[in-house]
Amino acid sequence: MKKTALLTSLSATAMILGATVASAETWDLPMAYSGSNFHSVTGAEFGKCVTTGTGGEITVKTHPGGSLFKGSEIKRAVQTGMVPIGERLLSGHQNEDALFGIDSVPFLATSYESADKLWNAAKPEMEKLLAEQNLTLLYSVLWPAQGLYFKNEVKTPEDMKGVAFRSYNTASARMTELLGMRNVSIEAAEISQAFAMGVAEGMVSSGATGYGRKVWETLNYFYSVDAWLPRNYMLVNSEVWAGVSESNKAVVKACADFAEYAGTWRSKEYTSFTLQGLRDGGMTVEGPSPELKAKVDEVGEIMTSEWLEQAGEKGKAIVDAYLASK
């Protein structure tokens, strides 16, 4: 499906679900990534769908690029009612509960198909956990598979020793440690500045993030190790959600379903497009050397074992169900 067709379908969905204005409220929606990022584009279209579909009873105003709250602050802001809705990478909160990191266990699910099966196994427990934190899940969209970015060429594990490496969640920080690099915590909105100033010399992320931030201006290599496919989640405050009329809930859910579909389509399309964009920018894009692949596989085994220990019986049940579905 072409982008124009997606936009047309989204507009049609909103018109079909249109409601008569009774009382209007504005939902400020903070997002961590730039407005041009496909997650932010999908979130903006979701907001327009809700605004149109509810006849303006709920007006969603998006704030991309960490302009309202930094990425690390968004979940808490929604949870406490500072804003009614927000989009967040939940694996950034794995320190709260290991379950939030289910989508970022290295080399557990390395394709869209396997990531969907893992999500089907994990979703019921995830929704229960979110409910305990006054949060309701509306939709989630995968990032493309994560690869390794570096300023300098990396052929062996020794080439990574001491490299200042950007992390964005518990999994990426632990992987950095196990690979012998130096962890630097950097929010998505600060990536370009951090590389330009030499604060970091590498990161694990998708082609989409690198393309959106034009990292070829400071980095030179991308290795497609397909480490994991993390998810962004659109969350609404449960108390706010309880106060939404049943008719408007139906609109929001329909818009959320379409946003998940459209966002997933974009994610898949972006995989090849953005990697070519990195090449066009002058970066070397290739698979890892045998030595590097062996090392990251070793790290994956260690981290899977550690996650299962942290997640306990719930985590084991999810992984068992996922493996049984493969």
C-alpha atoms as a PDB file:
ATOM      1  CA  MET A   1       0.000   0.000   0.000  1.00  0.00           C
ATOM      2  CA  LYS A   2       1.350   3.449  -0.968  1.00  0.00           C
ATOM      3  CA  LYS A   3       1.628   6.296   1.538  1.00  0.00           C
ATOM      4  CA  THR A   4      -1.132   8.277  -0.199  1.00  0.00           C
ATOM      5  CA  ALA A   5      -3.435   5.290   0.099  1.00  0.00           C
ATOM      6  CA  LEU A   6      -2.698   5.045   3.819  1.00  0.00           C
ATOM      7  CA  LEU A   7      -3.549   8.713   4.317  1.00  0.00           C
ATOM      8  CA  THR A   8      -6.757   8.379   2.310  1.00  0.00           C
ATOM      9  CA  SER A   9      -7.828   5.307   4.291  1.00  0.00           C
ATOM     10  CA  LEU A  10      -7.058   7.051   7.569  1.00  0.00           C
ATOM     11  CA  SER A  11      -9.126  10.074   6.602  1.00  0.00           C
ATOM     12  CA  ALA A  12     -11.975   7.842   5.485  1.00  0.00           C
ATOM     13  CA  THR A  13     -11.875   5.969   8.785  1.00  0.00           C
ATOM     14  CA  ALA A  14     -12.134   9.234  10.683  1.00  0.00           C
ATOM     15  CA  MET A  15     -15.069  10.467   8.574  1.00  0.00           C
ATOM     16  CA  ILE A  16     -16.989   7.219   8.961  1.00  0.00           C
ATOM     17  CA  LEU A  17     -16.508   7.341  12.707  1.00  0.00           C
ATOM     18  CA  GLY A  18     -17.342  11.065  12.982  1.00  0.00           C
ATOM     19  CA  ALA A  19     -19.226  12.219  16.070  1.00  0.00           C
ATOM     20  CA  THR A  20     -21.209  15.351  16.937  1.00  0.00           C
ATOM     21  CA  VAL A  21     -19.404  17.768  19.222  1.00  0.00           C
ATOM     22  CA  ALA A  22     -20.768  17.718  22.762  1.00  0.00           C
ATOM     23  CA  SER A  23     -17.884  18.830  24.979  1.00  0.00           C
ATOM     24  CA  ALA A  24     -14.360  19.313  23.721  1.00  0.00           C
ATOM     25  CA  GLU A  25     -11.070  18.487  25.434  1.00  0.00           C
ATOM     26  CA  THR A  26      -7.474  18.600  24.253  1.00  0.00           C
ATOM     27  CA  TRP A  27      -5.106  15.675  24.658  1.00  0.00           C
ATOM     28  CA  ASP A  28      -1.480  16.765  24.512  1.00  0.00           C
ATOM     29  CA  LEU A  29       0.529  13.829  23.138  1.00  0.00           C
ATOM     30  CA  PRO A  30       4.309  13.908  23.814  1.00  0.00           C
ATOM     31  CA  MET A  31       6.619  11.808  21.608  1.00  0.00           C
ATOM     32  CA  ALA A  32      10.382  11.354  21.900  1.00  0.00           C
ATOM     33  CA  TYR A  33      11.369  11.208  18.232  1.00  0.00           C
ATOM     34  CA  SER A  34      11.529  13.900  15.553  1.00  0.00           C
ATOM     35  CA  GLY A  35       8.393  14.824  13.670  1.00  0.00           C
ATOM     36  CA  SER A  36       9.718  13.184  10.496  1.00  0.00           C
ATOM     37  CA  ASN A  37      10.315   9.816  12.192  1.00  0.00           C
ATOM     38  CA  PHE A  38       7.788   7.222  11.032  1.00  0.00           C
ATOM     39  CA  HIS A  39       6.554   6.621  14.591  1.00  0.00           C
ATOM     40  CA  SER A  40       5.869  10.340  15.005  1.00  0.00           C
ATOM     41  CA  VAL A  41       4.193  10.527  11.584  1.00  0.00           C
ATOM     42  CA  THR A  42       1.966   7.594  12.538  1.00  0.00           C
ATOM     43  CA  GLY A  43       1.194   9.194  15.902  1.00  0.00           C
ATOM     44  CA  ALA A  44       0.271  12.479  14.238  1.00  0.00           C
ATOM     45  CA  GLU A  45      -2.100  10.704  11.845  1.00  0.00           C
ATOM     46  CA  PHE A  46      -3.599   8.804  14.775  1.00  0.00           C
ATOM     47  CA  GLY A  47      -4.204  12.142  16.485  1.00  0.00           C
ATOM     48  CA  LYS A  48      -5.904  13.598  13.416  1.00  0.00           C
ATOM     49  CA  CYS A  49      -8.052  10.481  13.109  1.00  0.00           C
ATOM     50  CA  VAL A  50      -9.210  10.790  16.728  1.00  0.00           C
ATOM     51  CA  THR A  51      -9.825  14.530  16.404  1.00  0.00           C
ATOM     52  CA  THR A  52     -11.904  14.115  13.253  1.00  0.00           C
ATOM     53  CA  GLY A  53     -13.582  10.890  14.309  1.00  0.00           C
ATOM     54  CA  THR A  54     -14.825  12.311  17.609  1.00  0.00           C
ATOM     55  CA  GLY A  55     -16.051  15.459  15.886  1.00  0.00           C
ATOM     56  CA  GLY A  56     -13.603  17.499  17.956  1.00  0.00           C
ATOM     57  CA  GLU A  57     -14.794  16.163  21.304  1.00  0.00           C
ATOM     58  CA  ILE A  58     -11.207  14.948  21.752  1.00  0.00           C
ATOM     59  CA  THR A  59      -8.565  17.059  20.014  1.00  0.00           C
ATOM     60  CA  VAL A  60      -5.154  15.394  19.995  1.00  0.00           C
ATOM     61  CA  LYS A  61      -2.193  17.780  19.805  1.00  0.00           C
ATOM     62  CA  THR A  62       1.148  16.065  19.138  1.00  0.00           C
ATOM     63  CA  HIS A  63       4.505  17.232  20.526  1.00  0.00           C
ATOM     64  CA  PRO A  64       7.353  15.309  18.785  1.00  0.00           C
ATOM     65  CA  GLY A  65      11.083  15.515  19.367  1.00  0.00           C
ATOM     66  CA  GLY A  66      10.916  15.512  23.175  1.00  0.00           C
ATOM     67  CA  SER A  67       9.583  19.080  23.016  1.00  0.00           C
ATOM     68  CA  LEU A  68       7.018  18.614  25.815  1.00  0.00           C
ATOM     69  CA  PHE A  69       8.669  15.833  27.832  1.00  0.00           C
ATOM     70  CA  LYS A  70      11.914  13.973  27.259  1.00  0.00           C
ATOM     71  CA  GLY A  71      11.537  10.335  26.263  1.00  0.00           C
ATOM     72  CA  SER A  72      12.443   9.110  29.731  1.00  0.00           C
ATOM     73  CA  GLU A  73       9.755  11.341  31.258  1.00  0.00           C
ATOM     74  CA  ILE A  74       6.809  10.469  29.010  1.00  0.00           C
ATOM     75  CA  LYS A  75       5.604   7.296  30.718  1.00  0.00           C
ATOM     76  CA  ARG A  76       5.583   8.940  34.138  1.00  0.00           C
ATOM     77  CA  ALA A  77       3.805  12.005  32.737  1.00  0.00           C
ATOM     78  CA  VAL A  78       0.973   9.847  31.370  1.00  0.00           C
ATOM     79  CA  GLN A  79       0.863   7.617  34.440  1.00  0.00           C
ATOM     80  CA  THR A  80       0.433  10.574  36.820  1.00  0.00           C
ATOM     81  CA  GLY A  81      -1.986  12.496  34.615  1.00  0.00           C
ATOM     82  CA  MET A  82       0.363  15.343  33.682  1.00  0.00           C
ATOM     83  CA  VAL A  83      -0.711  14.528  30.126  1.00  0.00           C
ATOM     84  CA  PRO A  84      -3.549  12.183  29.140  1.00  0.00           C
ATOM     85  CA  ILE A  85      -1.683  10.291  26.420  1.00  0.00           C
ATOM     86  CA  GLY A  86       1.854   9.656  25.205  1.00  0.00           C
ATOM     87  CA  GLU A  87       4.087   7.407  23.126  1.00  0.00           C
ATOM     88  CA  ARG A  88       7.020   5.643  24.736  1.00  0.00           C
ATOM     89  CA  LEU A  89       9.630   2.932  24.188  1.00  0.00           C
ATOM     90  CA  LEU A  90       8.741   0.780  27.208  1.00  0.00           C
ATOM     91  CA  SER A  91      12.027  -1.122  27.163  1.00  0.00           C
ATOM     92  CA  GLY A  92      13.473   2.125  28.504  1.00  0.00           C
ATOM     93  CA  HIS A  93      11.739   1.216  31.777  1.00  0.00           C
ATOM     94  CA  GLN A  94      12.990  -2.350  32.140  1.00  0.00           C
ATOM     95  CA  ASN A  95      14.524  -1.345  35.467  1.00  0.00           C
ATOM     96  CA  GLU A  96      10.937  -1.067  36.805  1.00  0.00           C
ATOM     97  CA  ASP A  97       9.899  -4.508  35.617  1.00  0.00           C
ATOM     98  CA  ALA A  98      11.770  -6.994  33.439  1.00  0.00           C
ATOM     99  CA  LEU A  99       8.627  -7.554  31.368  1.00  0.00           C
ATOM    100  CA  PHE A 100       9.035  -4.100  29.826  1.00  0.00           C
ATOM    101  CA  GLY A 101      12.181  -5.429  28.158  1.00  0.00           C
ATOM    102  CA  ILE A 102      10.617  -8.481  26.494  1.00  0.00           C
ATOM    103  CA  ASP A 103      10.986  -6.916  23.029  1.00  0.00           C
ATOM    104  CA  SER A 104      14.670  -6.135  23.571  1.00  0.00           C
ATOM    105  CA  VAL A 105      16.107  -9.487  24.593  1.00  0.00           C
ATOM    106  CA  PRO A 106      18.973  -9.837  22.100  1.00  0.00           C
ATOM    107  CA  PHE A 107      18.446 -12.396  19.331  1.00  0.00           C
ATOM    108  CA  LEU A 108      15.241 -13.811  20.831  1.00  0.00           C
ATOM    109  CA  ALA A 109      13.032 -12.387  18.060  1.00  0.00           C
ATOM    110  CA  THR A 110      14.950 -11.043  15.058  1.00  0.00           C
ATOM    111  CA  SER A 111      12.297 -10.693  12.341  1.00  0.00           C
ATOM    112  CA  TYR A 112       8.867  -9.069  12.017  1.00  0.00           C
ATOM    113  CA  GLU A 113       7.178 -12.467  12.005  1.00  0.00           C
ATOM    114  CA  SER A 114       8.943 -13.699  15.137  1.00  0.00           C
ATOM    115  CA  ALA A 115       8.500 -10.335  16.881  1.00  0.00           C
ATOM    116  CA  ASP A 116       4.734 -10.535  16.270  1.00  0.00           C
ATOM    117  CA  LYS A 117       4.629 -14.041  17.750  1.00  0.00           C
ATOM    118  CA  LEU A 118       6.560 -12.854  20.790  1.00  0.00           C
ATOM    119  CA  TRP A 119       4.155  -9.929  21.170  1.00  0.00           C
ATOM    120  CA  ASN A 120       1.111 -12.215  20.979  1.00  0.00           C
ATOM    121  CA  ALA A 121       2.586 -14.277  23.801  1.00  0.00           C
ATOM    122  CA  ALA A 122       3.495 -11.241  25.919  1.00  0.00           C
ATOM    123  CA  LYS A 123       0.559  -8.862  25.325  1.00  0.00           C
ATOM    124  CA  PRO A 124      -1.867 -10.192  28.000  1.00  0.00           C
ATOM    125  CA  GLU A 125       0.729  -9.885  30.767  1.00  0.00           C
ATOM    126  CA  MET A 126       1.901  -6.524  29.433  1.00  0.00           C
ATOM    127  CA  GLU A 127      -1.621  -5.124  29.546  1.00  0.00           C
ATOM    128  CA  LYS A 128      -2.030  -6.355  33.134  1.00  0.00           C
ATOM    129  CA  LEU A 129       1.231  -4.717  34.161  1.00  0.00           C
ATOM    130  CA  LEU A 130       0.273  -1.450  32.502  1.00  0.00           C
ATOM    131  CA  ALA A 131      -3.164  -1.510  34.168  1.00  0.00           C
ATOM    132  CA  GLU A 132      -1.437  -1.748  37.569  1.00  0.00           C
ATOM    133  CA  GLN A 133       0.369   1.474  36.668  1.00  0.00           C
ATOM    134  CA  ASN A 134      -2.750   3.396  35.624  1.00  0.00           C
ATOM    135  CA  LEU A 135      -1.962   2.952  31.921  1.00  0.00           C
ATOM    136  CA  THR A 136      -4.006   1.542  29.038  1.00  0.00           C
ATOM    137  CA  LEU A 137      -2.383   0.337  25.822  1.00  0.00           C
ATOM    138  CA  LEU A 138      -3.879   1.691  22.596  1.00  0.00           C
ATOM    139  CA  TYR A 139      -1.421   0.333  20.027  1.00  0.00           C
ATOM    140  CA  SER A 140       2.206  -0.600  19.485  1.00  0.00           C
ATOM    141  CA  VAL A 141       4.508  -0.438  16.466  1.00  0.00           C
ATOM    142  CA  LEU A 142       7.828  -2.187  15.900  1.00  0.00           C
ATOM    143  CA  TRP A 143      11.095  -0.523  15.027  1.00  0.00           C
ATOM    144  CA  PRO A 144      13.167  -2.174  12.294  1.00  0.00           C
ATOM    145  CA  ALA A 145      15.815  -4.597  13.514  1.00  0.00           C
ATOM    146  CA  GLN A 146      18.608  -3.016  15.532  1.00  0.00           C
ATOM    147  CA  GLY A 147      22.146  -2.860  14.169  1.00  0.00           C
ATOM    148  CA  LEU A 148      25.487  -1.527  15.392  1.00  0.00           C
ATOM    149  CA  TYR A 149      26.723   1.930  14.383  1.00  0.00           C
ATOM    150  CA  PHE A 150      30.352   2.941  14.761  1.00  0.00           C
ATOM    151  CA  LYS A 151      32.599   5.835  13.831  1.00  0.00           C
ATOM    152  CA  ASN A 152      35.501   3.473  13.131  1.00  0.00           C
ATOM    153  CA  GLU A 153      35.581   0.047  11.497  1.00  0.00           C
ATOM    154  CA  VAL A 154      34.906  -2.915  13.802  1.00  0.00           C
ATOM    155  CA  LYS A 155      36.050  -6.355  12.719  1.00  0.00           C
ATOM    156  CA  THR A 156      36.903  -8.003  16.038  1.00  0.00           C
ATOM    157  CA  PRO A 157      35.678  -7.662  19.635  1.00  0.00           C
ATOM    158  CA  GLU A 158      38.949  -5.898  20.474  1.00  0.00           C
ATOM    159  CA  ASP A 159      38.004  -3.067  18.099  1.00  0.00           C
ATOM    160  CA  MET A 160      35.110  -2.179  20.420  1.00  0.00           C
ATOM    161  CA  LYS A 161      37.096  -1.926  23.632  1.00  0.00           C
ATOM    162  CA  GLY A 162      36.532   1.410  25.368  1.00  0.00           C
ATOM    163  CA  VAL A 163      34.294   2.886  22.654  1.00  0.00           C
ATOM    164  CA  ALA A 164      31.819   5.447  24.026  1.00  0.00           C
ATOM    165  CA  PHE A 165      28.520   3.807  23.080  1.00  0.00           C
ATOM    166  CA  ARG A 166      25.042   5.349  23.293  1.00  0.00           C
ATOM    167  CA  SER A 167      22.399   3.313  25.134  1.00  0.00           C
ATOM    168  CA  TYR A 168      18.655   3.933  25.399  1.00  0.00           C
ATOM    169  CA  ASN A 169      17.409   1.116  27.639  1.00  0.00           C
ATOM    170  CA  THR A 170      18.595  -1.544  30.060  1.00  0.00           C
ATOM    171  CA  ALA A 171      19.279  -4.059  27.292  1.00  0.00           C
ATOM    172  CA  SER A 172      21.446  -1.722  25.233  1.00  0.00           C
ATOM    173  CA  ALA A 173      23.353  -0.628  28.341  1.00  0.00           C
ATOM    174  CA  ARG A 174      24.024  -4.227  29.399  1.00  0.00           C
ATOM    175  CA  MET A 175      25.058  -5.194  25.865  1.00  0.00           C
ATOM    176  CA  THR A 176      27.465  -2.254  25.816  1.00  0.00           C
ATOM    177  CA  GLU A 177      29.037  -3.499  29.037  1.00  0.00           C
ATOM    178  CA  LEU A 178      29.360  -7.093  27.837  1.00  0.00           C
ATOM    179  CA  LEU A 179      30.995  -5.952  24.597  1.00  0.00           C
ATOM    180  CA  GLY A 180      33.637  -4.051  26.558  1.00  0.00           C
ATOM    181  CA  MET A 181      32.476  -0.589  25.585  1.00  0.00           C
ATOM    182  CA  ARG A 182      31.759   2.487  27.706  1.00  0.00           C
ATOM    183  CA  ASN A 183      28.075   3.219  28.269  1.00  0.00           C
ATOM    184  CA  VAL A 184      26.722   6.724  27.564  1.00  0.00           C
ATOM    185  CA  SER A 185      23.007   7.342  28.157  1.00  0.00           C
ATOM    186  CA  ILE A 186      21.643   9.684  25.484  1.00  0.00           C
ATOM    187  CA  GLU A 187      18.025  10.566  24.665  1.00  0.00           C
ATOM    188  CA  ALA A 188      16.854  10.219  21.059  1.00  0.00           C
ATOM    189  CA  ALA A 189      16.521  13.981  20.584  1.00  0.00           C
ATOM    190  CA  GLU A 190      20.185  14.461  21.588  1.00  0.00           C
ATOM    191  CA  ILE A 191      21.783  11.862  19.278  1.00  0.00           C
ATOM    192  CA  SER A 192      23.070  14.209  16.575  1.00  0.00           C
ATOM    193  CA  GLN A 193      24.615  16.620  19.051  1.00  0.00           C
ATOM    194  CA  ALA A 194      26.226  13.813  21.054  1.00  0.00           C
ATOM    195  CA  PHE A 195      27.975  12.361  18.003  1.00  0.00           C
ATOM    196  CA  ALA A 196      28.980  15.776  16.683  1.00  0.00           C
ATOM    197  CA  MET A 197      30.605  16.653  20.013  1.00  0.00           C
ATOM    198  CA  GLY A 198      32.325  13.279  20.326  1.00  0.00           C
ATOM    199  CA  VAL A 199      30.389  12.323  23.450  1.00  0.00           C
ATOM    200  CA  ALA A 200      29.585   8.995  21.766  1.00  0.00           C
ATOM    201  CA  GLU A 201      31.204   7.061  18.918  1.00  0.00           C
ATOM    202  CA  GLY A 202      28.615   4.364  18.351  1.00  0.00           C
ATOM    203  CA  MET A 203      25.155   3.075  19.172  1.00  0.00           C
ATOM    204  CA  VAL A 204      22.765   0.187  18.667  1.00  0.00           C
ATOM    205  CA  SER A 205      19.694   1.335  16.786  1.00  0.00           C
ATOM    206  CA  SER A 206      17.656   0.855  13.632  1.00  0.00           C
ATOM    207  CA  GLY A 207      18.388   2.186  10.196  1.00  0.00           C
ATOM    208  CA  ALA A 208      15.405   4.494  10.687  1.00  0.00           C
ATOM    209  CA  THR A 209      16.981   6.319  13.628  1.00  0.00           C
ATOM    210  CA  GLY A 210      20.324   6.681  11.868  1.00  0.00           C
ATOM    211  CA  TYR A 211      18.683   7.920   8.687  1.00  0.00           C
ATOM    212  CA  GLY A 212      16.433  10.369  10.519  1.00  0.00           C
ATOM    213  CA  ARG A 213      19.401  11.825  12.414  1.00  0.00           C
ATOM    214  CA  LYS A 214      21.770  11.873   9.415  1.00  0.00           C
ATOM    215  CA  VAL A 215      24.396  10.042  11.427  1.00  0.00           C
ATOM    216  CA  TRP A 216      26.578   9.638   8.329  1.00  0.00           C
ATOM    217  CA  GLU A 217      27.797  13.140   9.131  1.00  0.00           C
ATOM    218  CA  THR A 218      29.725  11.707  12.105  1.00  0.00           C
ATOM    219  CA  LEU A 219      29.590   7.879  11.875  1.00  0.00           C
ATOM    220  CA  ASN A 220      30.938   5.645   9.123  1.00  0.00           C
ATOM    221  CA  TYR A 221      29.821   2.033   9.696  1.00  0.00           C
ATOM    222  CA  PHE A 222      26.553   0.171  10.220  1.00  0.00           C
ATOM    223  CA  TYR A 223      26.584  -3.583  10.899  1.00  0.00           C
ATOM    224  CA  SER A 224      23.289  -5.447  10.368  1.00  0.00           C
ATOM    225  CA  VAL A 225      23.309  -7.807  13.340  1.00  0.00           C
ATOM    226  CA  ASP A 226      19.457  -7.844  13.709  1.00  0.00           C
ATOM    227  CA  ALA A 227      19.748  -7.755  17.477  1.00  0.00           C
ATOM    228  CA  TRP A 228      16.068  -7.136  18.281  1.00  0.00           C
ATOM    229  CA  LEU A 229      12.970  -5.249  17.119  1.00  0.00           C
ATOM    230  CA  PRO A 230      11.836  -2.985  19.977  1.00  0.00           C
ATOM    231  CA  ARG A 231       8.369  -1.471  20.153  1.00  0.00           C
ATOM    232  CA  ASN A 232       6.959   1.985  20.690  1.00  0.00           C
ATOM    233  CA  TYR A 233       3.703   2.008  22.657  1.00  0.00           C
ATOM    234  CA  MET A 234       0.842   4.510  22.569  1.00  0.00           C
ATOM    235  CA  LEU A 235      -0.463   4.766  26.125  1.00  0.00           C
ATOM    236  CA  VAL A 236      -3.414   6.591  27.652  1.00  0.00           C
ATOM    237  CA  ASN A 237      -3.958   7.372  31.323  1.00  0.00           C
ATOM    238  CA  SER A 238      -6.482   4.793  32.588  1.00  0.00           C
ATOM    239  CA  GLU A 239      -8.465   7.327  34.633  1.00  0.00           C
ATOM    240  CA  VAL A 240      -8.787   9.566  31.596  1.00  0.00           C
ATOM    241  CA  TRP A 241      -9.735   6.561  29.475  1.00  0.00           C
ATOM    242  CA  ALA A 242     -12.474   5.583  31.933  1.00  0.00           C
ATOM    243  CA  GLY A 243     -14.058   9.003  31.448  1.00  0.00           C
ATOM    244  CA  VAL A 244     -14.257   8.699  27.653  1.00  0.00           C
ATOM    245  CA  SER A 245     -17.698   7.935  26.249  1.00  0.00           C
ATOM    246  CA  GLU A 246     -18.259   4.514  24.746  1.00  0.00           C
ATOM    247  CA  SER A 247     -18.786   6.015  21.301  1.00  0.00           C
ATOM    248  CA  ASN A 248     -15.520   7.930  21.475  1.00  0.00           C
ATOM    249  CA  LYS A 249     -13.702   4.881  22.820  1.00  0.00           C
ATOM    250  CA  ALA A 250     -14.832   3.044  19.706  1.00  0.00           C
ATOM    251  CA  VAL A 251     -13.390   5.847  17.567  1.00  0.00           C
ATOM    252  CA  VAL A 252     -10.057   5.871  19.422  1.00  0.00           C
ATOM    253  CA  LYS A 253      -9.759   2.082  19.224  1.00  0.00           C
ATOM    254  CA  ALA A 254     -10.501   2.080  15.488  1.00  0.00           C
ATOM    255  CA  CYS A 255      -7.928   4.831  14.909  1.00  0.00           C
ATOM    256  CA  ALA A 256      -5.441   2.902  17.061  1.00  0.00           C
ATOM    257  CA  ASP A 257      -5.975  -0.289  15.065  1.00  0.00           C
ATOM    258  CA  PHE A 258      -5.342   1.531  11.829  1.00  0.00           C
ATOM    259  CA  ALA A 259      -2.303   3.343  13.265  1.00  0.00           C
ATOM    260  CA  GLU A 260      -0.789   0.000  14.281  1.00  0.00           C
ATOM    261  CA  TYR A 261      -1.337  -1.315  10.771  1.00  0.00           C
ATOM    262  CA  ALA A 262       0.015   1.819   9.077  1.00  0.00           C
ATOM    263  CA  GLY A 263       2.974   2.099  11.443  1.00  0.00           C
ATOM    264  CA  THR A 264       3.943  -1.531  10.941  1.00  0.00           C
ATOM    265  CA  TRP A 265       3.749  -1.097   7.166  1.00  0.00           C
ATOM    266  CA  ARG A 266       6.001   1.961   7.409  1.00  0.00           C
ATOM    267  CA  SER A 267       8.450   0.108   9.636  1.00  0.00           C
ATOM    268  CA  LYS A 268       8.855  -2.664   7.093  1.00  0.00           C
ATOM    269  CA  GLU A 269       9.185  -0.236   4.185  1.00  0.00           C
ATOM    270  CA  TYR A 270      11.716   1.816   6.121  1.00  0.00           C
ATOM    271  CA  THR A 271      14.043  -1.128   6.624  1.00  0.00           C
ATOM    272  CA  SER A 272      15.395  -1.203   3.083  1.00  0.00           C
ATOM    273  CA  PHE A 273      14.813   2.487   2.376  1.00  0.00           C
ATOM    274  CA  THR A 274      16.763   3.791   5.356  1.00  0.00           C
ATOM    275  CA  LEU A 275      19.673   1.377   4.966  1.00  0.00           C
ATOM    276  CA  GLN A 276      20.035   2.575   1.382  1.00  0.00           C
ATOM    277  CA  GLY A 277      19.845   6.099   2.729  1.00  0.00           C
ATOM    278  CA  LEU A 278      22.796   5.372   5.017  1.00  0.00           C
ATOM    279  CA  ARG A 279      24.745   4.076   2.026  1.00  0.00           C
ATOM    280  CA  ASP A 280      23.844   7.145  -0.013  1.00  0.00           C
ATOM    281  CA  GLY A 281      25.112   9.269   2.865  1.00  0.00           C
ATOM    282  CA  GLY A 282      28.491   7.581   2.581  1.00  0.00           C
ATOM    283  CA  MET A 283      28.298   4.935   5.280  1.00  0.00           C
ATOM    284  CA  THR A 284      29.498   1.360   4.889  1.00  0.00           C
ATOM    285  CA  VAL A 285      26.482  -0.926   5.513  1.00  0.00           C
ATOM    286  CA  GLU A 286      27.269  -4.612   5.828  1.00  0.00           C
ATOM    287  CA  GLY A 287      26.885  -7.719   7.932  1.00  0.00           C
ATOM    288  CA  PRO A 288      29.196  -8.396  10.882  1.00  0.00           C
ATOM    289  CA  SER A 289      32.482 -10.246  10.493  1.00  0.00           C
ATOM    290  CA  PRO A 290      32.504 -13.865  11.768  1.00  0.00           C
ATOM    291  CA  GLU A 291      34.414 -12.727  14.868  1.00  0.00           C
ATOM    292  CA  LEU A 292      31.939  -9.941  15.631  1.00  0.00           C
ATOM    293  CA  LYS A 293      28.946 -12.222  14.961  1.00  0.00           C
ATOM    294  CA  ALA A 294      30.305 -14.853  17.351  1.00  0.00           C
ATOM    295  CA  LYS A 295      30.754 -12.238  20.054  1.00  0.00           C
ATOM    296  CA  VAL A 296      27.291 -10.721  19.764  1.00  0.00           C
ATOM    297  CA  ASP A 297      25.749 -14.224  19.726  1.00  0.00           C
ATOM    298  CA  GLU A 298      27.597 -14.990  22.950  1.00  0.00           C
ATOM    299  CA  VAL A 299      26.293 -11.774  24.481  1.00  0.00           C
ATOM    300  CA  GLY A 300      22.773 -12.672  23.346  1.00  0.00           C
ATOM    301  CA  GLU A 301      22.877 -15.994  25.165  1.00  0.00           C
ATOM    302  CA  ILE A 302      24.097 -14.329  28.357  1.00  0.00           C
ATOM    303  CA  MET A 303      21.422 -11.626  28.238  1.00  0.00           C
ATOM    304  CA  THR A 304      18.584 -14.049  27.475  1.00  0.00           C
ATOM    305  CA  SER A 305      19.565 -16.089  30.516  1.00  0.00           C
ATOM    306  CA  GLU A 306      19.756 -12.951  32.657  1.00  0.00           C
ATOM    307  CA  TRP A 307      16.375 -11.683  31.477  1.00  0.00           C
ATOM    308  CA  LEU A 308      14.669 -14.995  32.185  1.00  0.00           C
ATOM    309  CA  GLU A 309      16.091 -14.945  35.703  1.00  0.00           C
ATOM    310  CA  GLN A 310      14.831 -11.401  36.273  1.00  0.00           C
ATOM    311  CA  ALA A 311      11.404 -11.992  34.720  1.00  0.00           C
ATOM    312  CA  GLY A 312      10.693 -15.136  36.740  1.00  0.00           C
ATOM    313  CA  GLU A 313       7.805 -17.488  35.988  1.00  0.00           C
ATOM    314  CA  LYS A 314       5.853 -14.927  33.953  1.00  0.00           C
ATOM    315  CA  GLY A 315       8.816 -14.350  31.676  1.00  0.00           C
ATOM    316  CA  LYS A 316       9.475 -18.051  31.278  1.00  0.00           C
ATOM    317  CA  ALA A 317       5.822 -18.679  30.425  1.00  0.00           C
ATOM    318  CA  ILE A 318       5.915 -15.981  27.750  1.00  0.00           C
ATOM    319  CA  VAL A 319       9.112 -17.282  26.176  1.00  0.00           C
ATOM    320  CA  ASP A 320       7.834 -20.869  26.296  1.00  0.00           C
ATOM    321  CA  ALA A 321       4.594 -19.839  24.578  1.00  0.00           C
ATOM    322  CA  TYR A 322       6.533 -17.886  21.985  1.00  0.00           C
ATOM    323  CA  LEU A 323       8.925 -20.753  21.216  1.00  0.00           C
ATOM    324  CA  ALA A 324       5.974 -23.141  20.927  1.00  0.00           C
ATOM    325  CA  SER A 325       4.399 -20.861  18.303  1.00  0.00           C
ATOM    326  CA  LYS A 326       7.465 -20.794  16.056  1.00  0.00           C
END
